[in-house]
């Protein structure tokens, strides 16, 4: 009985601490960091992105082959169960979507518990515009292109990163194990001169600095991951978003967001929706960062009678893309608006990929320069160290 009471007290304490932390972060304007962290961890474990995409592609294939929505989710679930995966993502997702459809709700309502927000929003937007398949297929194509660019850039970074980590591990090994071990045999490597002495000094500095550099890098990556889709006007911990958007990786994220926004507006315009209606539909499922731009587009569309370029003049598109958008928008004809938007979407995609490639190139060059310095000093230092040690040992 007492044990149960103790467990209840501990559980309530944890709940109180969690709520207190969330309340404090909410007052600071950054409670979304905790919420997104919890959701990201849950999704990574129970609903990997790859599984989500595969499920939706499979679902789209079933519907394309003539199956109705309920039959499609039931077939996907049955296939997973037959493979012995009774608790798989496919089964959980199918159960949730099936319940939504049976209750008269839409597919997007059944996706909320198991799919990422962006995929849920795409389906919700598509349902309202009655063009789910077209919007989803375009979105998957866009995501595949973005991943291809990231993968290409990341692959080129693997070699310098691997060599740099290998060099750093050697320097840390020399400082943490080599120097203390040599002292046991009466050799003080800190007294070495020339390049070997510089290598020992470098090993000491790298060994001291590396944990801070590594920790800062991880924290920086997590902060970016958790804040990239948010627009915080003021916070004691975060600078303004306009300032962040000037630097990598936020600058790249802005360009891909621009591509996505313009592409979605273009697709909805293609099915006959006016700009105001497009923005209204898209805003329902937008991230806070996207909502910032949708609100500006909405104001422009309400107060202006100009071209689509005037509506989208919200500081989202870069100069090159906006110039192309303005040129096409001035053409006569009912289709000029849609043509302008779709052209801007394509151009912005190219611009985003180009910017990412430049950033990756800069990072790659920086990594090679750091490796050249650290690797050169380490390699030559170790070679010359063996000669100095041989001379010391032979003299002794």
Protein backbone atom coordinates (compact mmCIF):
# COMPACT_ATOMS: atom_id res chain seq x y z
CA UNK A 1 0.00 0.00 0.00
CA UNK A 2 2.81 2.39 0.98
CA UNK A 3 4.71 1.45 -2.16
CA UNK A 4 1.72 2.41 -4.30
CA UNK A 5 1.43 5.71 -2.44
CA UNK A 6 5.14 6.37 -2.97
CA UNK A 7 4.79 5.67 -6.69
CA UNK A 8 1.81 8.00 -6.88
CA UNK A 9 3.72 10.77 -5.11
CA UNK A 10 6.76 10.33 -7.40
CA UNK A 11 4.50 10.36 -10.46
CA UNK A 12 2.73 13.52 -9.29
CA UNK A 13 6.10 15.15 -8.55
CA UNK A 14 7.28 14.40 -12.10
CA UNK A 15 4.04 15.76 -13.51
CA UNK A 16 4.36 18.92 -11.39
CA UNK A 17 7.98 19.47 -12.49
CA UNK A 18 7.09 18.94 -16.16
CA UNK A 19 4.15 21.36 -15.97
CA UNK A 20 6.28 23.91 -14.10
CA UNK A 21 9.04 23.74 -16.74
CA UNK A 22 6.50 24.00 -19.56
CA UNK A 23 4.78 26.97 -17.88
CA UNK A 24 8.12 28.75 -17.41
CA UNK A 25 9.15 28.16 -21.04
CA UNK A 26 5.70 29.33 -22.16
CA UNK A 27 6.21 32.64 -20.32
CA UNK A 28 9.52 33.03 -22.13
CA UNK A 29 7.82 32.35 -25.46
CA UNK A 30 9.76 29.17 -26.22
CA UNK A 31 7.57 26.39 -24.77
CA UNK A 32 7.36 24.96 -28.31
CA UNK A 33 10.97 23.73 -27.87
CA UNK A 34 9.93 21.25 -25.18
CA UNK A 35 6.76 20.22 -27.02
CA UNK A 36 8.57 19.67 -30.31
CA UNK A 37 11.41 17.81 -28.62
CA UNK A 38 8.98 15.32 -27.05
CA UNK A 39 7.07 14.90 -30.31
CA UNK A 40 10.28 14.54 -32.37
CA UNK A 41 11.60 11.80 -30.08
CA UNK A 42 8.27 9.96 -30.17
CA UNK A 43 8.06 10.23 -33.96
CA UNK A 44 11.66 9.09 -34.45
CA UNK A 45 10.98 5.93 -32.42
CA UNK A 46 7.40 5.00 -33.32
CA UNK A 47 6.76 6.76 -36.64
CA UNK A 48 9.93 7.18 -38.72
CA UNK A 49 9.65 9.61 -41.62
CA UNK A 50 10.48 6.89 -44.13
CA UNK A 51 7.59 4.74 -42.86
CA UNK A 52 5.17 7.67 -43.12
CA UNK A 53 6.10 8.42 -46.73
CA UNK A 54 6.00 4.73 -47.72
CA UNK A 55 2.55 4.35 -46.15
CA UNK A 56 1.11 7.35 -48.02
CA UNK A 57 2.64 6.27 -51.33
CA UNK A 58 1.18 2.77 -50.81
CA UNK A 59 -2.18 4.32 -49.89
CA UNK A 60 -2.09 6.49 -53.03
CA UNK A 61 -1.32 3.41 -55.15
CA UNK A 62 -4.33 1.51 -53.72
CA UNK A 63 -6.67 4.45 -54.40
CA UNK A 64 -5.23 4.84 -57.92
CA UNK A 65 -6.00 1.17 -58.57
CA UNK A 66 -9.67 1.77 -57.78
CA UNK A 67 -9.95 0.86 -54.09
CA UNK A 68 -12.08 3.12 -51.90
CA UNK A 69 -10.46 4.84 -48.91
CA UNK A 70 -11.59 2.31 -46.28
CA UNK A 71 -10.55 -0.67 -48.38
CA UNK A 72 -7.14 0.90 -48.98
CA UNK A 73 -6.30 1.33 -45.28
CA UNK A 74 -7.65 -2.14 -44.47
CA UNK A 75 -5.52 -3.75 -47.18
CA UNK A 76 -2.39 -1.99 -45.93
CA UNK A 77 -3.13 -3.13 -42.37
CA UNK A 78 -3.84 -6.70 -43.46
CA UNK A 79 -0.58 -6.87 -45.42
CA UNK A 80 1.37 -5.76 -42.35
CA UNK A 81 -0.41 -8.23 -40.05
CA UNK A 82 0.27 -11.09 -42.48
CA UNK A 83 3.96 -10.28 -42.23
CA UNK A 84 3.70 -10.70 -38.45
CA UNK A 85 3.81 -6.97 -37.63
CA UNK A 86 0.71 -6.60 -35.46
CA UNK A 87 2.04 -3.53 -33.63
CA UNK A 88 3.68 -1.86 -36.62
CA UNK A 89 3.33 1.75 -37.74
CA UNK A 90 1.19 0.57 -40.67
CA UNK A 91 -1.32 -1.05 -38.32
CA UNK A 92 -1.48 1.97 -35.97
CA UNK A 93 -1.84 4.43 -38.86
CA UNK A 94 -4.51 2.29 -40.58
CA UNK A 95 -6.53 1.95 -37.35
CA UNK A 96 -6.45 5.71 -36.76
CA UNK A 97 -7.42 6.64 -40.34
CA UNK A 98 -10.12 3.95 -40.42
CA UNK A 99 -11.72 5.33 -37.23
CA UNK A 100 -11.74 8.83 -38.71
CA UNK A 101 -13.37 7.67 -41.97
CA UNK A 102 -16.00 5.56 -40.18
CA UNK A 103 -16.89 8.58 -38.00
CA UNK A 104 -17.36 10.72 -41.11
CA UNK A 105 -14.14 12.67 -40.72
CA UNK A 106 -11.43 13.25 -43.27
CA UNK A 107 -8.17 11.34 -43.81
CA UNK A 108 -6.14 14.21 -42.35
CA UNK A 109 -8.08 13.91 -39.06
CA UNK A 110 -7.01 10.29 -38.78
CA UNK A 111 -3.39 11.11 -39.59
CA UNK A 112 -2.78 13.50 -36.68
CA UNK A 113 -1.57 10.94 -34.15
CA UNK A 114 0.90 9.12 -36.39
CA UNK A 115 2.09 11.52 -39.11
CA UNK A 116 4.27 14.62 -39.13
CA UNK A 117 2.50 17.99 -39.14
CA UNK A 118 3.61 18.87 -42.67
CA UNK A 119 2.13 15.67 -44.14
CA UNK A 120 -1.12 16.15 -42.22
CA UNK A 121 -1.35 19.73 -43.49
CA UNK A 122 -0.76 18.68 -47.10
CA UNK A 123 -3.67 16.23 -46.91
CA UNK A 124 -5.91 18.76 -45.17
CA UNK A 125 -5.15 21.39 -47.80
CA UNK A 126 -5.68 18.88 -50.59
CA UNK A 127 -9.01 17.80 -49.13
CA UNK A 128 -10.27 21.37 -49.01
CA UNK A 129 -9.08 22.03 -52.56
CA UNK A 130 -10.25 18.60 -53.76
CA UNK A 131 -6.80 17.86 -55.16
CA UNK A 132 -5.18 15.59 -52.55
CA UNK A 133 -3.33 13.36 -54.99
CA UNK A 134 -1.87 16.17 -57.09
CA UNK A 135 -0.74 18.16 -54.05
CA UNK A 136 0.73 15.13 -52.28
CA UNK A 137 2.61 13.91 -55.35
CA UNK A 138 4.07 17.38 -55.93
CA UNK A 139 5.05 17.62 -52.26
CA UNK A 140 6.81 14.23 -52.33
CA UNK A 141 8.61 15.23 -55.51
CA UNK A 142 9.73 18.47 -53.86
CA UNK A 143 10.91 16.62 -50.75
CA UNK A 144 12.81 14.08 -52.87
CA UNK A 145 14.59 16.92 -54.71
CA UNK A 146 15.48 18.60 -51.42
CA UNK A 147 16.79 15.35 -49.95
CA UNK A 148 18.84 14.69 -53.08
CA UNK A 149 20.54 18.08 -52.70
CA UNK A 150 21.23 17.51 -49.00
CA UNK A 151 22.46 13.97 -49.65
CA UNK A 152 24.78 15.12 -52.42
CA UNK A 153 26.24 17.84 -50.23
CA UNK A 154 26.47 15.64 -47.14
CA UNK A 155 28.22 12.85 -49.06
CA UNK A 156 30.98 15.25 -50.11
CA UNK A 157 31.43 16.24 -46.46
CA UNK A 158 31.92 12.68 -45.21
CA UNK A 159 35.59 12.36 -46.22
CA UNK A 160 36.90 15.59 -44.66
CA UNK A 161 34.75 15.07 -41.54
CA UNK A 162 36.00 11.48 -41.17
CA UNK A 163 39.66 12.51 -41.59
CA UNK A 164 39.22 15.45 -39.22
CA UNK A 165 37.65 13.26 -36.53
CA UNK A 166 40.44 10.71 -37.00
CA UNK A 167 43.09 13.43 -36.56
CA UNK A 168 41.35 14.88 -33.51
CA UNK A 169 41.11 11.39 -31.94
CA UNK A 170 44.88 10.94 -32.46
CA UNK A 171 45.63 14.30 -30.80
CA UNK A 172 43.32 13.50 -27.87
CA UNK A 173 44.94 10.06 -27.57
CA UNK A 174 48.43 11.61 -27.53
CA UNK A 175 47.44 14.08 -24.78
CA UNK A 176 45.32 11.77 -22.62
CA UNK A 177 47.33 8.56 -22.94
CA UNK A 178 50.64 9.17 -24.74
CA UNK A 179 51.97 11.97 -22.51
CA UNK A 180 51.02 10.32 -19.16
CA UNK A 181 52.41 6.96 -20.33
CA UNK A 182 55.72 8.50 -21.41
CA UNK A 183 56.07 10.13 -18.00
CA UNK A 184 55.98 6.69 -16.38
CA UNK A 185 59.12 5.85 -18.34
CA UNK A 186 60.82 9.10 -17.36
CA UNK A 187 60.13 11.00 -20.59
CA UNK A 188 58.51 14.42 -20.37
CA UNK A 189 57.07 15.07 -23.85
CA UNK A 190 56.08 18.61 -22.84
CA UNK A 191 59.76 19.56 -22.99
CA UNK A 192 60.07 18.67 -26.68
CA UNK A 193 60.98 21.48 -29.09
CA UNK A 194 60.30 22.18 -32.74
CA UNK A 195 57.35 20.63 -34.56
CA UNK A 196 56.99 17.68 -32.10
CA UNK A 197 56.69 20.20 -29.26
CA UNK A 198 54.07 22.16 -31.20
CA UNK A 199 52.18 18.91 -31.85
CA UNK A 200 52.15 18.07 -28.11
CA UNK A 201 50.93 21.61 -27.33
CA UNK A 202 48.28 21.34 -30.06
CA UNK A 203 47.14 17.98 -28.64
CA UNK A 204 46.70 19.58 -25.21
CA UNK A 205 44.63 22.46 -26.60
CA UNK A 206 42.48 20.23 -28.82
CA UNK A 207 41.85 17.80 -25.95
CA UNK A 208 40.69 20.69 -23.76
CA UNK A 209 38.58 22.51 -26.39
CA UNK A 210 37.02 19.55 -28.23
CA UNK A 211 34.29 18.66 -25.65
CA UNK A 212 33.07 22.28 -25.69
CA UNK A 213 33.13 22.46 -29.49
CA UNK A 214 31.28 19.16 -29.84
CA UNK A 215 28.67 20.09 -27.19
CA UNK A 216 28.14 23.53 -28.75
CA UNK A 217 27.65 21.93 -32.18
CA UNK A 218 25.06 19.46 -30.87
CA UNK A 219 23.18 22.15 -28.95
CA UNK A 220 23.27 24.47 -31.98
CA UNK A 221 21.88 21.74 -34.22
CA UNK A 222 19.08 20.97 -31.73
CA UNK A 223 18.17 24.65 -31.35
CA UNK A 224 17.97 25.02 -35.15
CA UNK A 225 15.94 21.84 -35.50
CA UNK A 226 13.45 22.99 -32.87
CA UNK A 227 13.19 26.65 -33.91
CA UNK A 228 13.38 26.59 -37.71
CA UNK A 229 9.57 26.46 -38.14
CA UNK A 230 8.81 29.16 -35.57
CA UNK A 231 8.75 32.92 -35.67
CA UNK A 232 9.46 34.40 -32.26
CA UNK A 233 9.08 38.19 -32.11
CA UNK A 234 10.98 38.60 -28.85
CA UNK A 235 12.71 36.18 -26.50
CA UNK A 236 15.49 36.54 -23.93
CA UNK A 237 17.26 33.55 -25.49
CA UNK A 238 16.66 33.89 -29.23
CA UNK A 239 17.60 36.76 -31.58
CA UNK A 240 15.03 38.09 -34.06
CA UNK A 241 14.11 35.76 -36.91
CA UNK A 242 15.07 38.38 -39.49
CA UNK A 243 18.60 38.29 -38.08
CA UNK A 244 18.74 34.47 -38.04
CA UNK A 245 17.46 34.25 -41.63
CA UNK A 246 20.66 35.96 -42.78
CA UNK A 247 22.79 33.00 -41.71
CA UNK A 248 23.16 29.32 -42.57
CA UNK A 249 21.20 27.07 -42.03
CA UNK A 250 18.21 29.41 -41.43
CA UNK A 251 18.84 31.15 -44.77
CA UNK A 252 18.51 27.83 -46.63
CA UNK A 253 15.39 26.95 -44.67
CA UNK A 254 13.82 30.27 -45.67
CA UNK A 255 14.42 29.57 -49.36
CA UNK A 256 12.89 26.09 -49.14
CA UNK A 257 9.91 27.51 -47.22
CA UNK A 258 9.52 30.11 -49.98
CA UNK A 259 9.56 27.34 -52.58
CA UNK A 260 6.92 25.38 -50.65
CA UNK A 261 4.61 28.36 -50.08
CA UNK A 262 4.72 29.51 -53.70
CA UNK A 263 4.29 25.95 -54.95
CA UNK A 264 1.22 25.34 -52.77
CA UNK A 265 -0.35 28.65 -53.79
CA UNK A 266 0.38 27.77 -57.43
CA UNK A 267 -1.25 24.35 -57.16
CA UNK A 268 -4.36 25.75 -55.47
CA UNK A 269 -4.54 28.58 -58.03
CA UNK A 270 -4.35 25.91 -60.71
CA UNK A 271 -7.65 24.43 -59.49
CA UNK A 272 -9.33 27.85 -59.60
CA UNK A 273 -8.81 29.28 -56.10
CA UNK A 274 -8.21 33.04 -55.77
CA UNK A 275 -5.15 34.18 -53.77
CA UNK A 276 -7.19 35.13 -50.69
CA UNK A 277 -8.84 31.72 -50.57
CA UNK A 278 -5.49 29.95 -51.12
CA UNK A 279 -3.91 31.77 -48.22
CA UNK A 280 -6.91 31.12 -45.98
CA UNK A 281 -6.76 27.38 -46.65
CA UNK A 282 -2.97 27.17 -46.32
CA UNK A 283 -2.88 29.20 -43.09
CA UNK A 284 -4.95 26.58 -41.26
CA UNK A 285 -2.07 24.11 -41.37
CA UNK A 286 0.90 26.50 -41.54
CA UNK A 287 3.79 26.60 -39.12
CA UNK A 288 4.17 29.87 -37.16
CA UNK A 289 7.03 30.80 -39.49
CA UNK A 290 4.94 30.22 -42.62
CA UNK A 291 1.97 32.03 -41.04
CA UNK A 292 4.13 35.17 -40.78
CA UNK A 293 4.37 35.29 -44.60
CA UNK A 294 0.81 34.14 -45.26
CA UNK A 295 -0.44 37.06 -43.16
CA UNK A 296 1.61 39.51 -45.26
CA UNK A 297 0.34 37.95 -48.51
CA UNK A 298 -3.22 38.16 -47.19
CA UNK A 299 -2.82 41.87 -46.41
CA UNK A 300 -1.35 42.55 -49.87
CA UNK A 301 -4.12 40.60 -51.61
CA UNK A 302 -6.77 42.51 -49.65
CA UNK A 303 -5.37 45.99 -50.17
CA UNK A 304 -3.88 45.67 -53.68
CA UNK A 305 -5.38 45.22 -57.15
CA UNK A 306 -2.02 44.65 -58.83
CA UNK A 307 -0.40 41.53 -60.23
CA UNK A 308 0.38 38.33 -58.34
CA UNK A 309 3.92 39.69 -57.95
CA UNK A 310 2.49 42.52 -55.85
CA UNK A 311 0.69 40.01 -53.64
CA UNK A 312 3.84 37.95 -53.08
CA UNK A 313 6.08 40.96 -52.44
CA UNK A 314 6.57 40.08 -48.76
CA UNK A 315 10.35 39.66 -48.52
CA UNK A 316 10.13 35.91 -48.99
CA UNK A 317 11.54 35.49 -52.50
CA UNK A 318 15.08 36.47 -53.40
CA UNK A 319 15.65 39.28 -55.94
CA UNK A 320 16.34 36.98 -58.92
CA UNK A 321 13.19 34.90 -58.40
CA UNK A 322 10.99 37.92 -57.69
CA UNK A 323 12.17 39.61 -60.89
CA UNK A 324 11.15 36.56 -62.93
CA UNK A 325 7.80 36.41 -61.15
CA UNK A 326 7.14 40.09 -61.93
CA UNK A 327 7.97 39.62 -65.61
CA UNK A 328 5.64 36.67 -66.14
CA UNK A 329 2.85 38.22 -64.03
CA UNK A 330 2.67 41.19 -66.44
CA UNK A 331 1.74 38.92 -69.35
CA UNK A 332 -1.86 39.08 -70.51
CA UNK A 333 -4.29 36.22 -70.15
CA UNK A 334 -6.12 34.45 -67.35
CA UNK A 335 -3.43 31.82 -67.00
CA UNK A 336 -0.61 34.34 -66.46
CA UNK A 337 -1.14 34.33 -62.67
CA UNK A 338 -0.76 30.57 -62.34
CA UNK A 339 2.14 30.52 -64.81
CA UNK A 340 3.90 33.22 -62.80
CA UNK A 341 3.44 31.43 -59.48
CA UNK A 342 4.57 28.04 -60.79
CA UNK A 343 7.57 29.62 -62.53
CA UNK A 344 8.52 31.38 -59.29
CA UNK A 345 8.22 28.07 -57.45
CA UNK A 346 10.60 26.36 -59.88
CA UNK A 347 13.05 29.26 -59.86
CA UNK A 348 13.01 29.43 -56.07
CA UNK A 349 13.72 25.71 -55.89
CA UNK A 350 16.73 26.16 -58.15
CA UNK A 351 17.88 29.16 -56.08
CA UNK A 352 17.52 27.20 -52.83
CA UNK A 353 19.53 24.29 -54.21
CA UNK A 354 22.18 26.67 -55.54
CA UNK A 355 22.47 28.40 -52.15
CA UNK A 356 22.72 25.07 -50.37
CA UNK A 357 25.43 23.88 -52.77
CA UNK A 358 27.43 27.07 -52.15
CA UNK A 359 27.08 26.67 -48.40
CA UNK A 360 28.16 23.03 -48.58
CA UNK A 361 31.15 24.01 -50.71
CA UNK A 362 32.18 26.63 -48.17
CA UNK A 363 31.86 24.15 -45.31
CA UNK A 364 33.82 21.55 -47.27
CA UNK A 365 36.66 23.98 -47.98
CA UNK A 366 36.75 25.03 -44.30
CA UNK A 367 36.88 21.39 -43.16
CA UNK A 368 39.73 20.57 -45.56
CA UNK A 369 41.71 23.62 -44.39
CA UNK A 370 41.27 22.65 -40.73
CA UNK A 371 42.23 19.05 -41.51
CA UNK A 372 45.26 20.18 -43.51
CA UNK A 373 46.53 22.19 -40.55
CA UNK A 374 45.74 19.68 -37.80
CA UNK A 375 46.63 16.64 -39.92
CA UNK A 376 49.87 18.18 -41.18
CA UNK A 377 51.09 19.17 -37.72
CA UNK A 378 50.05 15.79 -36.30
CA UNK A 379 51.62 13.65 -39.03
CA UNK A 380 54.92 15.56 -39.19
CA UNK A 381 55.01 15.92 -35.43
CA UNK A 382 54.63 12.17 -34.90
CA UNK A 383 57.31 11.38 -37.51
CA UNK A 384 59.84 13.81 -36.04
CA UNK A 385 58.87 12.72 -32.52
CA UNK A 386 60.10 9.20 -33.22
CA UNK A 387 63.52 10.56 -34.28
CA UNK A 388 63.81 12.76 -31.18
CA UNK A 389 62.80 9.90 -28.89
CA UNK A 390 65.34 7.59 -30.56
CA UNK A 391 68.06 10.20 -29.98
CA UNK A 392 67.00 10.70 -26.35
CA UNK A 393 66.91 6.94 -25.68
CA UNK A 394 70.27 6.33 -27.42
CA UNK A 395 71.93 9.15 -25.47
CA UNK A 396 70.56 7.78 -22.22
